[in-house]
N, C-alpha and C. Protein backbone atom coordinates (compact mmCIF):
# COMPACT_ATOMS: atom_id res chain seq x y z
N TYR A 1 -12.72 17.81 -16.16
CA TYR A 1 -14.31 16.79 -16.06
C TYR A 1 -15.23 17.74 -15.01
N ALA A 2 -15.07 18.07 -13.71
CA ALA A 2 -15.85 18.55 -13.23
C ALA A 2 -15.60 20.40 -13.58
N GLY A 3 -14.50 20.13 -13.67
CA GLY A 3 -14.28 22.29 -13.82
C GLY A 3 -14.42 23.31 -12.53
N TRP A 4 -14.13 21.79 -11.76
CA TRP A 4 -13.44 22.77 -10.38
C TRP A 4 -12.11 23.00 -10.49
N LYS A 5 -12.13 24.53 -9.23
CA LYS A 5 -10.30 24.48 -8.85
C LYS A 5 -10.41 24.50 -7.54
N TYR A 6 -9.39 24.42 -7.38
CA TYR A 6 -8.76 23.41 -6.22
C TYR A 6 -8.17 24.62 -5.58
N GLU A 7 -8.39 24.00 -4.39
CA GLU A 7 -7.95 24.54 -3.20
C GLU A 7 -6.79 23.57 -2.05
N TYR A 8 -5.28 23.46 -2.17
CA TYR A 8 -4.81 22.22 -0.99
C TYR A 8 -4.44 22.62 0.05
N ILE A 9 -4.64 21.81 0.92
CA ILE A 9 -4.91 21.97 2.49
C ILE A 9 -3.95 21.64 3.07
N PRO A 10 -3.20 21.95 4.18
CA PRO A 10 -1.95 21.73 4.37
C PRO A 10 -2.38 21.20 5.28
N THR A 11 -2.55 19.57 5.96
CA THR A 11 -2.55 18.96 6.96
C THR A 11 -1.82 17.47 7.56
N ASP A 12 -1.89 16.75 8.34
CA ASP A 12 -1.07 16.42 8.35
C ASP A 12 -1.35 15.09 9.17
N SER A 13 -1.13 13.69 9.84
CA SER A 13 -1.76 12.74 9.75
C SER A 13 -2.49 12.22 11.17
N ALA A 14 -2.15 13.11 11.87
CA ALA A 14 -2.44 13.17 14.34
C ALA A 14 -4.68 14.44 13.52
N SER A 15 -4.28 14.79 12.74
CA SER A 15 -5.32 16.13 12.33
C SER A 15 -6.11 16.09 10.71
N LEU A 16 -5.55 14.73 10.26
CA LEU A 16 -6.72 14.51 8.89
C LEU A 16 -7.79 14.74 9.32
N LEU A 17 -8.45 13.73 10.35
CA LEU A 17 -9.35 13.38 9.88
C LEU A 17 -10.54 14.82 10.49
N ASP A 18 -10.04 14.89 11.88
CA ASP A 18 -10.99 15.83 11.91
C ASP A 18 -10.98 16.91 11.92
N ASP A 19 -9.83 17.50 10.70
CA ASP A 19 -10.02 18.70 9.41
C ASP A 19 -10.84 18.10 8.68
N PHE A 20 -10.93 17.09 8.30
CA PHE A 20 -12.05 16.79 7.40
C PHE A 20 -13.53 16.65 7.71
N PHE A 21 -13.73 15.51 8.70
CA PHE A 21 -15.36 15.97 9.23
C PHE A 21 -15.98 17.38 10.02
N ALA A 22 -14.59 18.35 9.84
CA ALA A 22 -14.70 19.48 10.45
C ALA A 22 -15.28 20.17 9.17
N GLY A 23 -15.09 19.94 7.73
CA GLY A 23 -15.95 20.47 6.54
C GLY A 23 -14.36 21.38 6.19
N LYS A 24 -12.99 21.56 6.67
CA LYS A 24 -12.09 22.31 6.37
C LYS A 24 -11.38 22.07 4.80
N PHE A 25 -11.83 20.93 4.30
CA PHE A 25 -12.02 19.93 3.08
C PHE A 25 -12.99 19.09 2.35
N ASP A 26 -13.20 19.35 1.18
CA ASP A 26 -14.25 19.18 0.32
C ASP A 26 -13.65 17.40 -0.28
N LEU A 27 -12.86 17.11 0.14
CA LEU A 27 -12.21 15.74 -1.05
C LEU A 27 -11.20 15.77 -0.34
N MET A 28 -10.74 13.73 -0.27
CA MET A 28 -9.95 13.44 0.76
C MET A 28 -9.41 11.91 -0.19
N GLY A 29 -8.29 11.54 -0.52
CA GLY A 29 -7.53 11.17 -1.51
C GLY A 29 -6.78 10.06 -0.17
N GLY A 30 -6.49 8.60 -1.16
CA GLY A 30 -5.87 7.88 -0.75
C GLY A 30 -6.87 6.99 0.13
N THR A 31 -8.41 7.21 0.51
CA THR A 31 -8.81 6.68 1.53
C THR A 31 -9.42 4.97 1.48
N TYR A 32 -9.35 3.88 2.06
CA TYR A 32 -9.17 2.51 1.41
C TYR A 32 -10.71 2.67 1.94
N TYR A 33 -11.28 1.35 1.89
CA TYR A 33 -13.41 1.18 2.24
C TYR A 33 -12.56 -0.65 2.54
N ALA A 34 -13.68 -0.60 4.21
CA ALA A 34 -13.87 -0.93 4.91
C ALA A 34 -14.91 -1.07 5.50
N ASP A 35 -15.74 -2.40 6.33
CA ASP A 35 -16.70 -2.55 6.47
C ASP A 35 -16.98 -1.74 6.84
N GLY A 36 -18.55 -0.51 7.03
CA GLY A 36 -17.84 0.55 8.53
C GLY A 36 -18.46 2.21 7.97
N PHE A 37 -16.59 1.52 6.86
CA PHE A 37 -16.72 2.94 6.79
C PHE A 37 -17.66 4.10 6.01
N ASP A 38 -18.50 3.66 5.26
CA ASP A 38 -19.74 4.18 4.28
C ASP A 38 -20.38 4.83 5.37
N ALA A 39 -20.01 5.22 6.92
CA ALA A 39 -20.98 5.43 8.00
C ALA A 39 -20.03 6.31 7.62
N TYR A 40 -18.90 6.75 7.13
CA TYR A 40 -18.46 8.11 7.75
C TYR A 40 -18.22 9.06 6.33
N PHE A 41 -17.61 7.96 5.60
CA PHE A 41 -17.19 8.60 3.96
C PHE A 41 -18.02 8.08 2.81
N ALA A 42 -18.49 9.67 2.23
CA ALA A 42 -19.39 9.07 0.95
C ALA A 42 -18.29 8.79 -0.48
N TYR A 43 -18.27 7.72 -0.83
CA TYR A 43 -17.14 7.07 -1.26
C TYR A 43 -18.42 7.03 -2.96
N PRO A 44 -17.32 7.08 -4.24
CA PRO A 44 -17.97 7.31 -5.47
C PRO A 44 -17.98 6.24 -6.09
N GLU A 45 -18.44 5.53 -6.93
CA GLU A 45 -18.52 4.52 -7.66
C GLU A 45 -17.22 3.69 -8.13
N TYR A 46 -16.38 5.09 -8.44
CA TYR A 46 -15.12 4.17 -9.06
C TYR A 46 -13.82 4.64 -7.85
N ASN A 47 -12.73 3.68 -8.13
CA ASN A 47 -11.94 3.85 -7.21
C ASN A 47 -10.39 4.70 -7.92
N CYS A 48 -9.50 4.60 -7.36
CA CYS A 48 -8.27 5.85 -7.85
C CYS A 48 -7.20 4.92 -8.49
N GLY A 49 -7.44 3.43 -8.35
CA GLY A 49 -6.36 2.50 -9.03
C GLY A 49 -6.39 1.93 -6.92
N TYR A 50 -4.78 0.75 -7.18
CA TYR A 50 -4.87 0.26 -6.37
C TYR A 50 -3.51 0.26 -5.40
N SER A 51 -3.41 0.47 -4.27
CA SER A 51 -2.23 0.76 -3.51
C SER A 51 -1.09 -0.87 -3.94
N LYS A 52 0.48 -1.02 -3.11
CA LYS A 52 0.45 -2.35 -3.70
C LYS A 52 1.52 -2.58 -2.25
N LEU A 53 1.07 -3.79 -1.94
CA LEU A 53 1.94 -4.38 -0.72
C LEU A 53 3.05 -5.23 -0.78
N ILE A 54 4.39 -4.63 -0.78
CA ILE A 54 5.93 -4.74 -0.66
C ILE A 54 5.99 -6.28 0.65
N LEU A 55 6.65 -6.30 -0.69
CA LEU A 55 7.67 -7.63 0.90
C LEU A 55 8.82 -7.43 1.11
N LEU A 56 9.43 -6.65 1.83
CA LEU A 56 10.89 -6.20 2.18
C LEU A 56 11.84 -7.43 2.32
N ALA A 57 13.41 -7.09 2.14
CA ALA A 57 14.47 -8.32 2.20
C ALA A 57 15.61 -7.74 2.73
N ARG A 58 16.63 -8.04 3.23
CA ARG A 58 17.72 -6.79 2.97
C ARG A 58 18.98 -8.23 2.96
N TRP A 59 19.69 -6.52 2.11
CA TRP A 59 20.75 -6.75 0.50
C TRP A 59 21.38 -7.68 1.53
N ASP A 60 21.87 -7.99 2.48
CA ASP A 60 22.32 -9.29 2.71
C ASP A 60 22.08 -10.36 2.57
N ASP A 61 21.09 -10.99 2.17
CA ASP A 61 20.06 -11.90 2.00
C ASP A 61 20.86 -12.76 1.44
N ALA A 62 21.36 -13.61 0.73
CA ALA A 62 21.31 -13.81 -0.57
C ALA A 62 20.57 -15.05 -0.74
N SER A 63 20.03 -16.36 0.56
CA SER A 63 18.78 -17.05 0.13
C SER A 63 17.14 -16.23 -0.26
N ILE A 64 17.29 -15.29 -0.32
CA ILE A 64 15.81 -15.22 -0.48
C ILE A 64 16.15 -13.84 -2.56
N LYS A 65 15.25 -14.69 -3.31
CA LYS A 65 15.91 -13.91 -5.06
C LYS A 65 14.47 -13.17 -5.54
N SER A 66 14.15 -12.19 -5.87
CA SER A 66 13.06 -11.30 -6.59
C SER A 66 12.41 -11.84 -7.54
N TYR A 67 13.44 -12.55 -8.07
CA TYR A 67 13.31 -13.48 -9.31
C TYR A 67 12.67 -15.09 -9.32
N ASP A 68 13.27 -15.13 -8.45
CA ASP A 68 12.54 -17.08 -7.72
C ASP A 68 11.77 -16.94 -6.22
N LEU A 69 10.18 -17.37 -6.74
CA LEU A 69 9.22 -16.69 -5.65
C LEU A 69 9.59 -18.63 -4.96
N ASN A 70 9.83 -19.43 -5.02
CA ASN A 70 9.94 -20.75 -4.71
C ASN A 70 11.56 -19.96 -3.35
N SER A 71 12.21 -19.50 -3.51
CA SER A 71 13.26 -19.16 -3.23
C SER A 71 12.09 -18.20 -1.36
N PHE A 72 11.06 -17.89 -1.53
CA PHE A 72 10.50 -17.57 -0.77
C PHE A 72 9.99 -18.86 0.30
N GLN A 73 9.84 -20.03 0.42
CA GLN A 73 9.04 -21.16 1.20
C GLN A 73 10.06 -21.36 2.00
N GLY A 74 9.14 -21.38 2.81
CA GLY A 74 9.46 -21.58 4.29
C GLY A 74 10.53 -20.10 5.05
N LYS A 75 9.97 -19.44 4.71
CA LYS A 75 10.33 -17.96 5.34
C LYS A 75 9.88 -17.99 6.02
N THR A 76 10.52 -16.67 7.09
CA THR A 76 8.68 -16.42 8.31
C THR A 76 8.88 -14.42 7.91
N ILE A 77 7.56 -13.82 7.36
CA ILE A 77 7.49 -12.29 7.22
C ILE A 77 6.86 -12.14 8.15
N GLY A 78 7.10 -10.64 8.88
CA GLY A 78 6.99 -9.67 9.66
C GLY A 78 5.18 -9.06 9.08
N VAL A 79 4.58 -9.32 10.39
CA VAL A 79 3.29 -8.38 9.85
C VAL A 79 2.79 -7.38 10.85
N PHE A 80 2.22 -6.38 10.78
CA PHE A 80 1.92 -5.71 11.78
C PHE A 80 0.14 -6.59 11.63
N GLU A 81 -0.34 -6.89 13.24
CA GLU A 81 -0.99 -7.93 13.36
C GLU A 81 -2.40 -7.01 12.90
N GLN A 82 -2.31 -5.73 13.60
CA GLN A 82 -3.60 -4.83 13.24
C GLN A 82 -4.07 -4.30 12.22
N ASN A 83 -3.13 -4.94 10.79
CA ASN A 83 -3.53 -4.55 8.87
C ASN A 83 -3.53 -5.63 8.82
N LYS A 84 -5.36 -6.06 9.41
CA LYS A 84 -5.98 -7.50 8.56
C LYS A 84 -6.13 -7.26 7.18
N GLU A 85 -6.63 -6.85 6.99
CA GLU A 85 -6.56 -6.62 5.70
C GLU A 85 -5.48 -7.37 4.22
N HIS A 86 -4.55 -5.66 5.19
CA HIS A 86 -3.61 -6.18 4.51
C HIS A 86 -2.23 -7.81 4.58
N VAL A 87 -2.77 -8.30 6.17
CA VAL A 87 -2.45 -9.76 5.88
C VAL A 87 -3.54 -10.43 5.37
N ARG A 88 -4.70 -10.24 5.39
CA ARG A 88 -5.64 -11.63 4.44
C ARG A 88 -4.96 -11.00 2.66
N ARG A 89 -4.69 -10.16 2.35
CA ARG A 89 -3.83 -9.84 1.05
C ARG A 89 -3.06 -10.94 0.82
N LEU A 90 -2.30 -10.91 1.03
CA LEU A 90 -0.67 -11.45 1.50
C LEU A 90 -0.94 -12.91 1.38
N GLN A 91 -1.73 -13.45 2.71
CA GLN A 91 -2.42 -14.77 2.66
C GLN A 91 -2.21 -15.55 1.38
N GLU A 92 -3.69 -14.27 0.63
CA GLU A 92 -4.44 -14.99 -0.45
C GLU A 92 -3.18 -15.18 -1.89
N TYR A 93 -1.92 -14.27 -1.97
CA TYR A 93 -0.84 -13.59 -1.99
C TYR A 93 -0.23 -14.99 -2.34
N LEU A 94 -0.02 -15.43 -0.73
CA LEU A 94 1.07 -17.37 -0.87
C LEU A 94 0.34 -17.76 -0.96
N LYS A 95 -1.36 -18.30 -1.30
CA LYS A 95 -1.71 -19.37 -1.25
C LYS A 95 -1.63 -19.36 -3.22
N LEU A 96 -1.92 -18.37 -3.59
CA LEU A 96 -2.25 -18.10 -5.12
C LEU A 96 -0.97 -18.66 -5.83
N ASN A 97 0.45 -18.70 -4.92
CA ASN A 97 1.80 -19.03 -5.72
C ASN A 97 2.21 -19.90 -4.80
N GLY A 98 2.01 -20.96 -4.42
CA GLY A 98 1.51 -22.54 -3.52
C GLY A 98 2.64 -22.15 -2.89
N LEU A 99 3.04 -21.17 -2.17
CA LEU A 99 3.89 -21.10 -1.33
C LEU A 99 3.41 -21.45 0.71
N SER A 100 4.33 -21.92 1.76
CA SER A 100 3.99 -22.12 2.96
C SER A 100 5.58 -21.06 2.90
N CYS A 101 4.83 -20.09 4.04
CA CYS A 101 5.53 -19.48 5.28
C CYS A 101 5.01 -18.84 6.36
N THR A 102 5.45 -18.81 7.23
CA THR A 102 5.11 -18.71 8.66
C THR A 102 5.04 -16.88 9.12
N LEU A 103 3.72 -16.70 8.83
CA LEU A 103 3.97 -14.75 9.48
C LEU A 103 3.70 -15.02 10.85
N LYS A 104 4.44 -13.93 11.02
CA LYS A 104 4.51 -14.01 12.41
C LYS A 104 4.49 -11.94 12.83
N THR A 105 3.36 -11.60 13.62
CA THR A 105 2.69 -10.53 13.83
C THR A 105 3.31 -9.96 14.91
N TYR A 106 3.36 -8.70 15.03
CA TYR A 106 3.82 -7.84 15.75
C TYR A 106 2.81 -6.85 16.59
N SER A 107 3.07 -6.52 17.30
CA SER A 107 1.68 -5.43 18.24
C SER A 107 1.64 -4.10 17.97
N PHE A 108 0.57 -3.33 18.49
CA PHE A 108 1.13 -1.70 18.04
C PHE A 108 1.87 -1.79 18.72
N GLU A 109 2.25 -1.97 20.15
CA GLU A 109 3.11 -1.68 21.34
C GLU A 109 4.57 -1.89 20.71
N GLN A 110 4.63 -2.62 19.99
CA GLN A 110 6.49 -3.21 19.59
C GLN A 110 6.42 -2.07 18.47
N LEU A 111 5.45 -1.81 17.59
CA LEU A 111 5.38 -0.90 16.18
C LEU A 111 5.89 0.14 16.94
N SER A 112 5.20 1.22 18.07
CA SER A 112 5.32 2.29 18.84
C SER A 112 7.01 2.13 18.74
N LYS A 113 7.58 1.21 19.60
CA LYS A 113 8.58 1.84 19.84
C LYS A 113 9.72 2.37 19.21
N THR A 114 9.81 2.06 17.74
CA THR A 114 10.79 2.63 16.84
C THR A 114 9.86 2.47 15.97
N GLY A 115 8.69 3.37 16.01
CA GLY A 115 7.92 3.75 14.50
C GLY A 115 7.67 3.13 13.58
N ASN A 116 8.76 1.75 13.29
CA ASN A 116 7.83 0.64 12.23
C ASN A 116 8.84 -0.82 12.55
N LEU A 117 8.67 -1.51 11.83
CA LEU A 117 9.15 -2.93 12.38
C LEU A 117 10.73 -3.37 11.78
N ASN A 118 11.07 -2.41 11.08
CA ASN A 118 12.66 -2.10 10.70
C ASN A 118 13.53 -3.37 11.32
N HIS A 119 13.34 -3.24 12.75
CA HIS A 119 14.37 -3.46 13.75
C HIS A 119 14.06 -5.48 13.20
N TYR A 120 13.05 -5.31 13.64
CA TYR A 120 12.87 -7.20 13.45
C TYR A 120 13.24 -8.20 12.02
N LEU A 121 13.43 -6.88 11.42
CA LEU A 121 13.70 -7.23 9.66
C LEU A 121 15.51 -7.40 10.21
N GLU A 122 15.78 -6.46 10.18
CA GLU A 122 17.43 -5.56 9.92
C GLU A 122 18.54 -7.20 11.31
N THR A 123 17.44 -7.38 12.57
CA THR A 123 18.35 -8.07 13.78
C THR A 123 18.14 -9.91 13.00
N GLY A 124 17.26 -9.91 11.58
CA GLY A 124 17.14 -11.18 11.32
C GLY A 124 16.12 -12.28 12.21
N GLU A 125 15.32 -11.65 12.78
CA GLU A 125 14.12 -12.55 13.76
C GLU A 125 13.10 -12.67 12.41
N VAL A 126 12.62 -11.76 11.43
CA VAL A 126 12.00 -12.32 10.39
C VAL A 126 12.87 -12.21 9.48
N ASP A 127 12.27 -12.88 7.76
CA ASP A 127 13.07 -13.29 6.93
C ASP A 127 12.48 -12.01 5.78
N LEU A 128 11.65 -11.42 5.59
CA LEU A 128 10.62 -10.72 5.19
C LEU A 128 9.83 -9.68 5.92
N LEU A 129 9.67 -8.62 5.38
CA LEU A 129 8.74 -7.79 6.06
C LEU A 129 7.58 -7.87 5.54
N LEU A 130 5.80 -7.26 5.45
CA LEU A 130 5.12 -6.46 5.06
C LEU A 130 5.31 -5.22 4.98
N GLY A 131 4.67 -4.20 3.60
CA GLY A 131 4.98 -3.12 3.50
C GLY A 131 4.00 -2.77 2.58
N ASN A 132 3.93 -1.26 2.75
CA ASN A 132 3.24 -0.41 1.71
C ASN A 132 4.68 -0.16 0.74
N SER A 133 4.19 0.72 -0.58
CA SER A 133 5.07 1.16 -1.53
C SER A 133 5.77 2.11 -1.20
N SER A 134 5.13 2.61 -0.01
CA SER A 134 5.88 4.02 0.56
C SER A 134 7.12 3.52 1.35
N ASP A 135 7.39 2.27 2.16
CA ASP A 135 8.15 1.76 2.29
C ASP A 135 9.25 1.96 1.69
N ALA A 136 9.11 1.60 0.80
CA ALA A 136 10.90 0.72 0.12
C ALA A 136 11.25 1.94 -0.06
N GLY A 137 12.64 1.80 -0.07
CA GLY A 137 13.95 2.81 0.03
C GLY A 137 15.11 2.68 -0.09
N SER A 138 16.29 2.52 0.36
CA SER A 138 17.54 2.57 0.23
C SER A 138 17.78 1.16 1.44
N GLU A 139 17.31 0.86 2.48
CA GLU A 139 17.29 0.56 3.57
C GLU A 139 17.56 -1.33 3.08
N PHE A 140 16.22 -1.25 2.36
CA PHE A 140 16.01 -2.83 1.99
C PHE A 140 15.80 -2.69 0.85
N TYR A 141 15.34 -3.87 -0.30
CA TYR A 141 14.87 -4.20 -1.36
C TYR A 141 13.58 -5.22 -1.47
N VAL A 142 12.73 -4.18 -2.63
CA VAL A 142 11.78 -5.27 -3.17
C VAL A 142 11.76 -6.64 -3.81
N ALA A 143 11.35 -7.67 -2.81
CA ALA A 143 11.75 -8.67 -3.02
C ALA A 143 10.37 -9.31 -3.85
N ALA A 144 9.08 -8.73 -3.34
CA ALA A 144 7.93 -8.52 -4.19
C ALA A 144 7.04 -7.94 -3.98
N SER A 145 5.94 -7.84 -4.98
CA SER A 145 4.68 -6.20 -5.07
C SER A 145 3.86 -7.12 -5.45
N PHE A 146 2.70 -6.66 -4.75
CA PHE A 146 1.71 -7.12 -5.43
C PHE A 146 0.74 -6.39 -5.05
N ASP A 147 -0.63 -6.46 -5.45
CA ASP A 147 -2.16 -5.09 -5.74
C ASP A 147 -2.36 -5.90 -4.09
N SER A 148 -2.64 -4.34 -3.75
CA SER A 148 -3.71 -4.51 -1.99
C SER A 148 -4.86 -3.85 -2.57
N GLN A 149 -5.39 -2.68 -1.27
CA GLN A 149 -6.91 -2.60 -1.61
C GLN A 149 -6.69 -1.66 -2.27
N PRO A 150 -7.77 -1.14 -3.56
CA PRO A 150 -8.14 0.13 -4.20
C PRO A 150 -8.32 1.04 -2.73
N HIS A 151 -8.00 2.50 -2.99
CA HIS A 151 -8.35 3.83 -2.49
C HIS A 151 -8.95 4.39 -3.77
N TYR A 152 -10.05 5.24 -2.88
CA TYR A 152 -10.76 6.40 -2.99
C TYR A 152 -10.37 8.16 -3.12
N ILE A 153 -10.91 9.13 -3.46
CA ILE A 153 -11.23 9.92 -3.21
C ILE A 153 -12.57 10.13 -2.76
N VAL A 154 -12.28 10.29 -1.36
CA VAL A 154 -13.83 10.80 -0.80
C VAL A 154 -14.37 11.74 -0.17
N THR A 155 -15.45 12.27 -0.04
CA THR A 155 -15.85 13.01 0.03
C THR A 155 -17.31 13.06 1.89
N THR A 156 -16.91 13.72 1.98
CA THR A 156 -18.20 14.08 3.98
C THR A 156 -19.55 13.46 2.81
N LEU A 157 -20.31 13.19 4.22
CA LEU A 157 -21.80 12.24 4.17
C LEU A 157 -22.77 13.82 4.03
N GLY A 158 -23.52 13.27 2.46
CA GLY A 158 -24.56 14.71 2.71
C GLY A 158 -24.02 15.40 1.76
N ASN A 159 -22.48 15.50 1.31
CA ASN A 159 -22.45 16.07 0.35
C ASN A 159 -22.35 15.43 -1.09
N ASP A 160 -23.88 15.88 -1.18
CA ASP A 160 -24.25 14.87 -2.78
C ASP A 160 -23.77 15.39 -4.25
N GLU A 161 -23.86 17.05 -3.84
CA GLU A 161 -23.23 17.90 -5.14
C GLU A 161 -21.84 17.41 -5.28
N VAL A 162 -20.91 17.19 -4.30
CA VAL A 162 -19.18 16.85 -4.74
C VAL A 162 -19.54 15.64 -5.33
N LEU A 163 -20.25 14.41 -4.88
CA LEU A 163 -20.15 13.12 -4.66
C LEU A 163 -20.51 13.51 -6.04
N ALA A 164 -21.76 13.82 -6.75
CA ALA A 164 -22.55 13.70 -8.06
C ALA A 164 -21.05 14.19 -9.15
N GLY A 165 -20.15 14.87 -8.87
CA GLY A 165 -19.44 15.11 -9.86
C GLY A 165 -17.73 14.48 -9.91
N LEU A 166 -17.25 14.29 -8.83
CA LEU A 166 -16.32 13.16 -8.83
C LEU A 166 -16.93 11.79 -9.62
N ASN A 167 -18.24 11.61 -8.78
CA ASN A 167 -18.56 10.21 -9.90
C ASN A 167 -18.69 10.25 -11.36
N MET A 168 -18.89 11.53 -12.07
CA MET A 168 -18.83 11.67 -13.33
C MET A 168 -17.73 12.09 -13.61
N ALA A 169 -16.31 12.44 -13.00
CA ALA A 169 -15.11 12.96 -13.67
C ALA A 169 -14.14 11.45 -13.29
N LEU A 170 -14.49 10.92 -12.82
CA LEU A 170 -13.50 9.63 -12.73
C LEU A 170 -14.55 9.03 -13.69
N GLU A 171 -15.61 8.77 -14.08
CA GLU A 171 -16.52 7.90 -14.89
C GLU A 171 -15.61 8.09 -16.48
N GLN A 172 -15.38 9.80 -16.56
CA GLN A 172 -14.82 10.38 -17.89
C GLN A 172 -13.67 10.16 -18.42
N ILE A 173 -12.82 9.91 -16.79
CA ILE A 173 -11.11 10.02 -16.75
C ILE A 173 -11.20 8.18 -17.51
N TYR A 174 -11.94 7.32 -16.99
CA TYR A 174 -11.59 6.02 -16.98
C TYR A 174 -12.09 5.21 -18.29
N SER A 175 -13.29 6.01 -18.82
CA SER A 175 -13.60 6.02 -20.54
C SER A 175 -12.78 6.64 -20.96
N ALA A 176 -12.08 7.76 -20.70
CA ALA A 176 -10.65 8.19 -21.67
C ALA A 176 -10.12 6.92 -22.07
N ASP A 177 -9.90 7.06 -20.64
CA ASP A 177 -7.97 5.85 -20.34
C ASP A 177 -8.03 4.85 -19.59
N PRO A 178 -8.59 3.88 -19.54
CA PRO A 178 -8.87 2.52 -18.84
C PRO A 178 -7.62 2.07 -18.10
N ASP A 179 -6.90 2.55 -18.16
CA ASP A 179 -5.92 2.18 -17.88
C ASP A 179 -4.80 3.42 -16.94
N PHE A 180 -5.34 4.00 -16.80
CA PHE A 180 -5.07 5.74 -16.20
C PHE A 180 -4.77 5.32 -14.68
N ALA A 181 -5.23 4.59 -13.87
CA ALA A 181 -4.82 4.70 -12.07
C ALA A 181 -3.03 3.72 -12.55
N GLU A 182 -3.27 2.69 -13.63
CA GLU A 182 -2.31 1.72 -13.58
C GLU A 182 -0.53 2.88 -14.08
N LYS A 183 -1.16 3.63 -15.20
CA LYS A 183 0.45 4.54 -15.46
C LYS A 183 0.12 5.70 -14.78
N LEU A 184 -0.76 5.58 -13.63
CA LEU A 184 -0.29 6.91 -12.83
C LEU A 184 0.63 6.54 -11.60
N TYR A 185 0.30 4.95 -11.30
CA TYR A 185 0.80 4.71 -10.37
C TYR A 185 2.38 4.30 -10.73
N ALA A 186 2.66 4.13 -12.01
CA ALA A 186 3.98 3.81 -12.24
C ALA A 186 4.61 4.99 -12.71
N LYS A 187 4.08 5.83 -13.12
CA LYS A 187 4.11 7.09 -12.93
C LYS A 187 4.99 7.67 -11.34
N ASN A 188 4.19 7.91 -10.55
CA ASN A 188 4.74 8.25 -9.65
C ASN A 188 5.36 7.15 -8.20
N PHE A 189 5.81 6.10 -8.62
CA PHE A 189 6.33 5.01 -7.94
C PHE A 189 6.81 4.35 -8.78
N SER A 190 7.56 4.39 -9.03
CA SER A 190 8.77 3.76 -10.73
C SER A 190 9.54 3.04 -9.84
N GLY A 191 9.95 3.31 -8.92
CA GLY A 191 11.58 3.15 -8.47
C GLY A 191 10.66 2.33 -7.01
N SER A 192 9.05 1.72 -6.56
CA SER A 192 9.19 1.11 -5.53
C SER A 192 9.00 -0.42 -6.14
N SER A 193 9.38 -1.02 -7.52
CA SER A 193 8.42 -2.14 -7.48
C SER A 193 9.62 -3.29 -7.79
N GLY A 194 10.92 -2.31 -8.46
CA GLY A 194 11.90 -3.40 -8.85
C GLY A 194 12.36 -4.27 -7.94
N GLY A 195 12.26 -4.75 -8.60
CA GLY A 195 13.44 -6.41 -7.37
C GLY A 195 14.93 -6.03 -7.55
N TYR A 196 15.70 -6.95 -6.07
CA TYR A 196 16.51 -6.53 -6.96
C TYR A 196 17.67 -8.71 -7.00
N VAL A 197 18.73 -8.08 -8.01
CA VAL A 197 19.55 -9.18 -8.32
C VAL A 197 20.51 -9.43 -7.52
N GLN A 198 20.49 -10.21 -6.05
CA GLN A 198 21.12 -10.79 -6.18
C GLN A 198 22.63 -11.64 -6.39
N LEU A 199 23.94 -11.07 -6.57
CA LEU A 199 24.85 -11.52 -6.96
C LEU A 199 25.88 -12.78 -6.39
N SER A 200 26.30 -13.71 -7.20
CA SER A 200 26.66 -14.81 -5.96
C SER A 200 27.88 -14.17 -5.80
N GLU A 201 28.78 -15.36 -5.12
CA GLU A 201 30.24 -14.62 -4.29
C GLU A 201 31.08 -14.94 -5.87
N GLN A 202 30.66 -15.95 -7.05
CA GLN A 202 32.03 -15.68 -8.16
C GLN A 202 31.26 -14.37 -8.80
N GLU A 203 30.67 -13.97 -8.74
CA GLU A 203 29.99 -12.70 -9.66
C GLU A 203 30.48 -11.29 -8.80
N GLN A 204 30.18 -11.61 -7.73
CA GLN A 204 31.10 -10.38 -6.85
C GLN A 204 32.43 -10.03 -6.87
N ALA A 205 33.06 -11.26 -7.53
CA ALA A 205 34.55 -11.18 -8.07
C ALA A 205 34.86 -11.12 -9.02
């Protein structure tokens, strides 16, 4: 829609923001909004959809059933304390579904020891672990999935021409297909939200 030609710039999480602010690229995707962030990023009027938060469970935990939210009642959920918006949305999800769960928070120091919080789920210190859709894999299964924050393609402050083009393009995309974001998510993360049916001992036999 914008008629732009794209060049994709390789980067990594350590240098992403520095490269962006240095003007090495004009657009950066996967950016959340939070109070004060608009002092650093120029946000378009339209988001690119919502990321997903997931609750991970151990394969051998027969007490949790992805098809029965009541089985979550009274469980302990591990969360990273600095992901305050994720924790807030989890609390809303629990409240909406009438679930009373204990949230066990972990610090950055605890996270940095292994790079994730999987150990605490593996050892049974928590029953469920709050993560992003990218955390889904073979190690645990997705017991529940729900909308998280909207994410945006942003540009640098003062880059008004690019921001105007971004707004125009996104408006055209959503006018043509209001379900664009949902379809794109389903296409790229088709395996991350499926639950797991826990078999009884009789069924396993």
